[in-house]
Amino acid sequence: MDGLLDFKPCILENYSMRQLLLCFSLLLSLTANSLATAAETTPISFELKDTAGVKHKLAAYKGKWVLVNYWATWCPPCLEEVPDLVNLYDHRRKKDLMVLGVVFDYKSTKEVAGYVDDMLMSYPIVLGDDEVAAQIGTADVLPTTFIFNPQGELVKIKRGLITKQYIEKIIGVAK
C-alpha cells in the first residue's frame, strides 16, 4: 500500500499542478473549438421532401443563400421568428434566398398544417425526423437555423431566435 502513495510518474515530476491544469485546459479548448469549427465547415448535402411532395436539394440552390430553420409548434421563439422568415422569403426567394422550415416534435400533420396556415408561412415546410437530422444536423434547442452560403457551404448554425436583421447582417441587405 505504501508504494501506491509514493507513485510519481517521471514525466509529470518536473511540472507543477498549475502547469498541468493550464496544458489540460488548452487542450480541451482546442478540441472543443476544432469540433465546433468542423461542424460548421463539414460539407453537407441534403435532399428533403416538403409537405407538398416537392424535393429540395441543397445543390439545386447554388447561387442562393439557404436557411434551414428547425422549429416546433409549441415553441414561443419559433412563433416569434416566423414573420421575419416569411418576409425575407417573400422578398428574396426569386433573387438570392431560399428558406426551408423543418418542424420537429409535432403531434400530427394536421396540427402542422393548421399552424403553417395560421402563421401564413409561405416557404416550404418539411416534416422533421431522424433522417433529416442525419443529413443536416441535430439541434440542442429550438429554434435552430443552419445557414448555407451561395456555394452550398454551411457557414453558421444559429441556436435560438433569429431575426431579419441578423440574417441580413450575414447575407447582406437586398438591393
Protein backbone atom coordinates (compact mmCIF):
# COMPACT_ATOMS: atom_id res chain seq x y z
CA MET A 1 0.00 0.00 0.00
CA ASP A 2 2.80 2.41 0.79
CA GLY A 3 4.07 2.07 -2.79
CA LEU A 4 0.81 3.47 -4.24
CA LEU A 5 1.05 6.63 -2.16
CA ASP A 6 4.59 7.24 -3.35
CA PHE A 7 3.67 6.92 -7.08
CA LYS A 8 5.13 9.81 -9.14
CA PRO A 9 5.30 9.29 -12.89
CA CYS A 10 8.64 10.57 -14.13
CA ILE A 11 7.01 12.53 -16.98
CA LEU A 12 5.00 14.66 -14.57
CA GLU A 13 7.73 15.08 -11.98
CA ASN A 14 9.05 18.39 -13.35
CA TYR A 15 5.66 20.09 -13.83
CA SER A 16 3.61 21.94 -11.27
CA MET A 17 -0.08 21.23 -10.89
CA ARG A 18 -0.81 24.71 -12.29
CA GLN A 19 1.19 23.99 -15.46
CA LEU A 20 -0.60 20.66 -15.93
CA LEU A 21 -4.01 22.28 -15.50
CA LEU A 22 -3.13 25.03 -17.99
CA CYS A 23 -2.00 22.46 -20.54
CA PHE A 24 -5.12 20.38 -19.97
CA SER A 25 -7.43 23.39 -20.31
CA LEU A 26 -5.64 24.50 -23.50
CA LEU A 27 -6.00 21.02 -24.99
CA LEU A 28 -9.67 20.90 -24.01
CA SER A 29 -10.28 24.35 -25.52
CA LEU A 30 -8.55 23.45 -28.80
CA THR A 31 -10.54 20.23 -29.05
CA ALA A 32 -13.87 22.00 -28.41
CA ASN A 33 -13.07 24.76 -30.92
CA SER A 34 -11.99 22.33 -33.62
CA LEU A 35 -15.18 20.28 -33.13
CA ALA A 36 -17.38 23.40 -33.40
CA THR A 37 -15.48 24.62 -36.48
CA ALA A 38 -15.61 21.17 -38.08
CA ALA A 39 -19.38 21.04 -37.56
CA GLU A 40 -19.81 24.33 -39.41
CA THR A 41 -17.36 23.62 -42.24
CA THR A 42 -18.13 19.97 -42.96
CA PRO A 43 -19.59 19.63 -46.46
CA ILE A 44 -23.29 18.89 -46.28
CA SER A 45 -25.59 17.69 -48.99
CA PHE A 46 -29.24 17.12 -48.36
CA GLU A 47 -32.43 16.13 -50.07
CA LEU A 48 -35.66 16.92 -48.24
CA LYS A 49 -39.27 16.42 -49.28
CA ASP A 50 -41.73 19.08 -48.16
CA THR A 51 -45.36 18.63 -47.15
CA ALA A 52 -46.45 19.33 -50.76
CA GLY A 53 -44.26 16.47 -52.00
CA VAL A 54 -41.62 18.73 -53.59
CA LYS A 55 -37.99 17.61 -53.21
CA HIS A 56 -35.41 20.20 -52.15
CA LYS A 57 -31.71 19.53 -52.74
CA LEU A 58 -29.05 21.89 -51.44
CA ALA A 59 -27.22 21.58 -54.78
CA ALA A 60 -30.32 22.94 -56.58
CA TYR A 61 -29.92 26.26 -54.76
CA LYS A 62 -26.35 27.09 -55.84
CA GLY A 63 -26.06 30.86 -56.09
CA LYS A 64 -28.58 31.42 -53.29
CA TRP A 65 -28.31 31.60 -49.54
CA VAL A 66 -30.21 28.72 -47.93
CA LEU A 67 -31.71 28.89 -44.44
CA VAL A 68 -32.87 25.64 -42.91
CA ASN A 69 -34.90 26.56 -39.85
CA TYR A 70 -35.75 23.88 -37.26
CA TRP A 71 -38.88 24.74 -35.27
CA ALA A 72 -41.82 23.31 -33.33
CA THR A 73 -45.46 24.35 -32.97
CA TRP A 74 -45.16 24.62 -29.16
CA CYS A 75 -42.05 26.87 -29.27
CA PRO A 76 -42.64 30.60 -28.48
CA PRO A 77 -39.35 31.84 -30.05
CA CYS A 78 -40.21 29.83 -33.19
CA LEU A 79 -43.55 31.65 -33.36
CA GLU A 80 -41.77 34.97 -32.92
CA GLU A 81 -39.29 34.48 -35.76
CA VAL A 82 -41.80 33.28 -38.40
CA PRO A 83 -42.87 36.76 -39.63
CA ASP A 84 -39.23 37.72 -40.33
CA LEU A 85 -38.59 34.45 -42.18
CA VAL A 86 -41.78 34.88 -44.23
CA ASN A 87 -40.83 38.47 -45.06
CA LEU A 88 -37.32 37.51 -46.16
CA TYR A 89 -38.55 34.55 -48.20
CA ASP A 90 -41.32 36.52 -49.92
CA HIS A 91 -38.99 39.39 -50.89
CA ARG A 92 -35.84 37.45 -51.78
CA ARG A 93 -36.82 33.97 -52.99
CA LYS A 94 -36.58 34.92 -56.66
CA LYS A 95 -33.24 36.69 -56.12
CA ASP A 96 -30.84 35.20 -53.61
CA LEU A 97 -32.54 33.30 -50.76
CA MET A 98 -34.28 30.01 -50.03
CA VAL A 99 -35.91 29.24 -46.68
CA LEU A 100 -36.87 25.72 -45.65
CA GLY A 101 -38.76 25.21 -42.41
CA VAL A 102 -38.29 21.84 -40.70
CA VAL A 103 -40.83 21.09 -37.99
CA PHE A 104 -39.88 18.71 -35.17
CA ASP A 105 -41.75 17.31 -32.20
CA TYR A 106 -45.26 17.70 -33.63
CA LYS A 107 -48.42 15.75 -32.77
CA SER A 108 -49.87 15.37 -36.26
CA THR A 109 -49.56 16.65 -39.80
CA LYS A 110 -52.97 18.29 -39.31
CA GLU A 111 -51.55 20.29 -36.38
CA VAL A 112 -48.59 21.38 -38.52
CA ALA A 113 -50.85 22.34 -41.46
CA GLY A 114 -53.04 24.45 -39.15
CA TYR A 115 -50.01 26.21 -37.67
CA VAL A 116 -48.50 26.88 -41.11
CA ASP A 117 -51.84 28.28 -42.31
CA ASP A 118 -52.35 30.46 -39.21
CA MET A 119 -48.83 31.88 -39.45
CA LEU A 120 -49.06 32.46 -43.23
CA MET A 121 -45.84 30.51 -43.72
CA SER A 122 -45.15 30.82 -47.45
CA TYR A 123 -41.86 28.91 -47.50
CA PRO A 124 -41.69 25.11 -47.88
CA ILE A 125 -42.21 23.03 -44.72
CA VAL A 126 -40.52 19.68 -44.15
CA LEU A 127 -41.64 17.16 -41.50
CA GLY A 128 -38.51 16.61 -39.43
CA ASP A 129 -37.29 13.17 -38.42
CA ASP A 130 -34.03 11.32 -37.73
CA GLU A 131 -33.24 11.13 -41.46
CA VAL A 132 -33.45 14.92 -41.81
CA ALA A 133 -31.30 15.46 -38.72
CA ALA A 134 -28.73 12.96 -40.05
CA GLN A 135 -28.45 14.94 -43.31
CA ILE A 136 -28.26 18.46 -41.87
CA GLY A 137 -27.50 18.23 -38.16
CA THR A 138 -29.19 17.97 -34.81
CA ALA A 139 -30.46 20.80 -32.67
CA ASP A 140 -29.99 21.08 -28.92
CA VAL A 141 -32.52 23.91 -28.80
CA LEU A 142 -35.40 25.12 -30.91
CA PRO A 143 -35.36 27.13 -32.98
CA THR A 144 -32.05 26.40 -34.69
CA THR A 145 -31.16 27.74 -38.12
CA PHE A 146 -28.50 26.35 -40.44
CA ILE A 147 -27.20 29.00 -42.85
CA PHE A 148 -25.61 27.91 -46.14
CA ASN A 149 -23.78 30.37 -48.41
CA PRO A 150 -24.40 30.54 -52.20
CA GLN A 151 -21.62 27.96 -52.71
CA GLY A 152 -23.58 25.46 -50.61
CA GLU A 153 -21.25 25.62 -47.59
CA LEU A 154 -22.59 25.67 -44.05
CA VAL A 155 -21.33 28.98 -42.67
CA LYS A 156 -23.37 29.41 -39.48
CA ILE A 157 -25.51 27.48 -37.05
CA LYS A 158 -27.68 29.91 -35.10
CA ARG A 159 -29.25 28.43 -31.98
CA GLY A 160 -32.24 30.33 -30.65
CA LEU A 161 -34.31 33.16 -32.06
CA ILE A 162 -33.22 34.54 -35.44
CA THR A 163 -34.27 37.93 -36.81
CA LYS A 164 -34.39 39.56 -40.22
CA GLN A 165 -31.66 41.97 -39.14
CA TYR A 166 -29.40 39.10 -38.03
CA ILE A 167 -29.86 37.29 -41.34
CA GLU A 168 -29.32 40.44 -43.40
CA LYS A 169 -26.13 41.12 -41.45
CA ILE A 170 -24.81 37.74 -42.63
CA ILE A 171 -26.17 37.60 -46.19
CA GLY A 172 -26.44 41.29 -46.96
CA VAL A 173 -29.35 43.64 -47.48
CA ALA A 174 -31.34 43.10 -50.69
CA LYS A 175 -30.79 45.69 -53.37
